[in-house]
């Protein structure tokens, strides 16, 4: 495991975002981070989705296996980060979605339409954190 201390003396910003009905959450987060010029941050949240798609990453095939969620669900956990990738902020979120009967679906978030709301906290990191393409793995990973 690699690590790097983030400079504790820099001033970081903290934001709360509240999604409206039918917002495309990843698109909204991308627009927000670009507007605020956020290149590194942690993301957490809770709320609900009208529908969503999550995925499981298959290392051998080097691709995401899509899991459709075609019903309203509770967003029980919404965790991720923002890093710099190819000159823009890259949103990376995993979530756990709770169904009406109590079972859950989780994975890498591909799509999510808000219903009725999504409450997200973004904590900016006072350091440049970047992703680098890793062809042997098939996805860009954080480079320290």
Protein backbone atom coordinates (compact mmCIF):
# COMPACT_ATOMS: atom_id res chain seq x y z
CA UNK A 1 0.00 0.00 0.00
CA UNK A 2 1.27 3.45 -0.91
CA UNK A 3 0.42 6.66 0.87
CA UNK A 4 1.08 10.36 0.79
CA UNK A 5 0.37 12.88 3.51
CA UNK A 6 -1.91 15.67 2.36
CA UNK A 7 -0.73 19.11 3.44
CA UNK A 8 -2.71 20.02 6.55
CA UNK A 9 -1.82 23.71 6.28
CA UNK A 10 -3.71 24.40 3.07
CA UNK A 11 -7.29 25.62 3.23
CA UNK A 12 -9.77 23.11 1.86
CA UNK A 13 -13.40 23.79 1.00
CA UNK A 14 -16.44 21.78 2.08
CA UNK A 15 -19.69 21.78 0.11
CA UNK A 16 -23.13 20.27 0.55
CA UNK A 17 -25.12 19.54 -2.60
CA UNK A 18 -28.79 18.63 -2.63
CA UNK A 19 -30.10 16.91 -5.73
CA UNK A 20 -33.50 17.65 -7.21
CA UNK A 21 -35.96 15.10 -8.63
CA UNK A 22 -34.66 13.49 -11.81
CA UNK A 23 -31.18 15.03 -11.61
CA UNK A 24 -28.56 12.87 -13.29
CA UNK A 25 -26.24 12.65 -10.30
CA UNK A 26 -22.95 11.97 -12.10
CA UNK A 27 -23.58 14.70 -14.66
CA UNK A 28 -24.49 17.17 -11.90
CA UNK A 29 -21.40 16.29 -9.85
CA UNK A 30 -19.17 16.60 -12.92
CA UNK A 31 -20.58 20.05 -13.76
CA UNK A 32 -20.25 21.19 -10.15
CA UNK A 33 -16.61 20.05 -9.83
CA UNK A 34 -15.69 21.67 -13.14
CA UNK A 35 -17.43 24.93 -12.14
CA UNK A 36 -15.73 25.00 -8.71
CA UNK A 37 -12.41 23.75 -10.14
CA UNK A 38 -12.27 20.84 -7.73
CA UNK A 39 -9.45 18.50 -8.72
CA UNK A 40 -9.29 16.37 -5.57
CA UNK A 41 -12.02 15.61 -3.03
CA UNK A 42 -13.84 12.95 -1.07
CA UNK A 43 -17.57 12.44 -1.60
CA UNK A 44 -20.24 10.99 0.68
CA UNK A 45 -24.00 11.05 0.60
CA UNK A 46 -27.43 9.50 1.15
CA UNK A 47 -30.82 9.83 -0.50
CA UNK A 48 -32.78 8.04 -3.16
CA UNK A 49 -32.78 7.14 -6.86
CA UNK A 50 -35.65 6.66 -9.31
CA UNK A 51 -33.41 4.24 -11.18
CA UNK A 52 -29.71 3.49 -11.35
CA UNK A 53 -27.01 1.35 -12.87
CA UNK A 54 -24.03 0.06 -10.94
CA UNK A 55 -21.26 -2.25 -12.03
CA UNK A 56 -18.78 -4.88 -10.96
CA UNK A 57 -15.29 -4.66 -12.47
CA UNK A 58 -14.16 -7.93 -14.07
CA UNK A 59 -10.34 -7.91 -13.88
CA UNK A 60 -9.87 -10.73 -16.40
CA UNK A 61 -12.10 -9.14 -19.04
CA UNK A 62 -10.96 -5.60 -18.10
CA UNK A 63 -14.50 -4.26 -18.25
CA UNK A 64 -17.42 -3.35 -16.04
CA UNK A 65 -20.36 -5.75 -15.81
CA UNK A 66 -23.48 -3.56 -15.72
CA UNK A 67 -26.19 -4.15 -13.09
CA UNK A 68 -29.47 -2.37 -13.87
CA UNK A 69 -31.68 -1.11 -11.04
CA UNK A 70 -35.02 -0.22 -12.61
CA UNK A 71 -36.95 0.79 -9.52
CA UNK A 72 -36.92 3.43 -6.80
CA UNK A 73 -34.26 2.65 -4.20
CA UNK A 74 -32.80 4.22 -1.08
CA UNK A 75 -29.18 5.32 -1.43
CA UNK A 76 -27.83 3.77 1.77
CA UNK A 77 -24.20 4.56 1.08
CA UNK A 78 -22.67 6.87 -1.52
CA UNK A 79 -18.88 7.05 -1.21
CA UNK A 80 -16.23 8.17 -3.61
CA UNK A 81 -13.66 10.67 -4.69
CA UNK A 82 -12.73 13.26 -7.25
CA UNK A 83 -9.31 13.14 -8.88
CA UNK A 84 -7.68 14.84 -11.82
CA UNK A 85 -7.71 12.79 -15.03
CA UNK A 86 -6.87 14.04 -18.52
CA UNK A 87 -7.15 17.65 -17.38
CA UNK A 88 -10.63 17.34 -15.85
CA UNK A 89 -12.14 16.20 -12.55
CA UNK A 90 -13.03 12.49 -12.59
CA UNK A 91 -15.89 11.37 -10.35
CA UNK A 92 -15.54 7.86 -8.90
CA UNK A 93 -18.41 6.67 -6.68
CA UNK A 94 -19.48 3.34 -5.24
CA UNK A 95 -22.89 2.97 -3.65
CA UNK A 96 -25.18 0.56 -1.86
CA UNK A 97 -28.82 0.76 -2.88
CA UNK A 98 -31.65 -0.53 -0.66
CA UNK A 99 -34.74 -2.06 -2.28
CA UNK A 100 -38.30 -1.98 -0.88
CA UNK A 101 -38.02 -5.56 0.41
CA UNK A 102 -34.72 -4.83 2.19
CA UNK A 103 -32.27 -6.51 -0.16
CA UNK A 104 -29.40 -4.41 -1.49
CA UNK A 105 -27.50 -3.89 -4.71
CA UNK A 106 -24.09 -2.29 -4.76
CA UNK A 107 -21.17 -1.45 -6.96
CA UNK A 108 -19.44 1.20 -9.01
CA UNK A 109 -22.01 3.88 -9.91
CA UNK A 110 -22.61 4.24 -13.65
CA UNK A 111 -25.93 6.12 -13.58
CA UNK A 112 -28.37 7.47 -11.04
CA UNK A 113 -31.53 9.56 -11.39
CA UNK A 114 -32.45 11.30 -8.14
CA UNK A 115 -35.80 10.60 -6.44
CA UNK A 116 -36.78 12.30 -4.19
CA UNK A 117 -33.42 13.85 -3.20
CA UNK A 118 -29.73 13.14 -2.81
CA UNK A 119 -27.68 14.88 -0.12
CA UNK A 120 -23.97 14.91 -0.95
CA UNK A 121 -21.01 16.33 0.97
CA UNK A 122 -17.84 17.11 -0.95
CA UNK A 123 -14.65 17.70 1.03
CA UNK A 124 -11.95 19.17 -1.14
CA UNK A 125 -8.44 17.83 -0.60
CA UNK A 126 -5.69 20.43 -0.51
CA UNK A 127 -3.45 18.45 -2.80
CA UNK A 128 -3.27 17.32 -6.39
CA UNK A 129 -4.42 13.73 -6.71
CA UNK A 130 -4.28 12.37 -10.25
CA UNK A 131 -5.30 9.23 -12.09
CA UNK A 132 -3.03 7.54 -14.59
CA UNK A 133 -4.06 5.00 -17.19
CA UNK A 134 -3.09 1.48 -16.21
CA UNK A 135 -3.43 -0.65 -19.38
CA UNK A 136 -2.50 -3.85 -17.52
CA UNK A 137 -5.56 -3.34 -15.31
CA UNK A 138 -7.82 -1.61 -17.83
CA UNK A 139 -8.81 1.46 -15.81
CA UNK A 140 -7.09 4.65 -14.61
CA UNK A 141 -5.89 4.45 -11.00
CA UNK A 142 -4.65 7.04 -8.52
CA UNK A 143 -0.95 7.71 -8.91
CA UNK A 144 0.97 8.83 -5.82
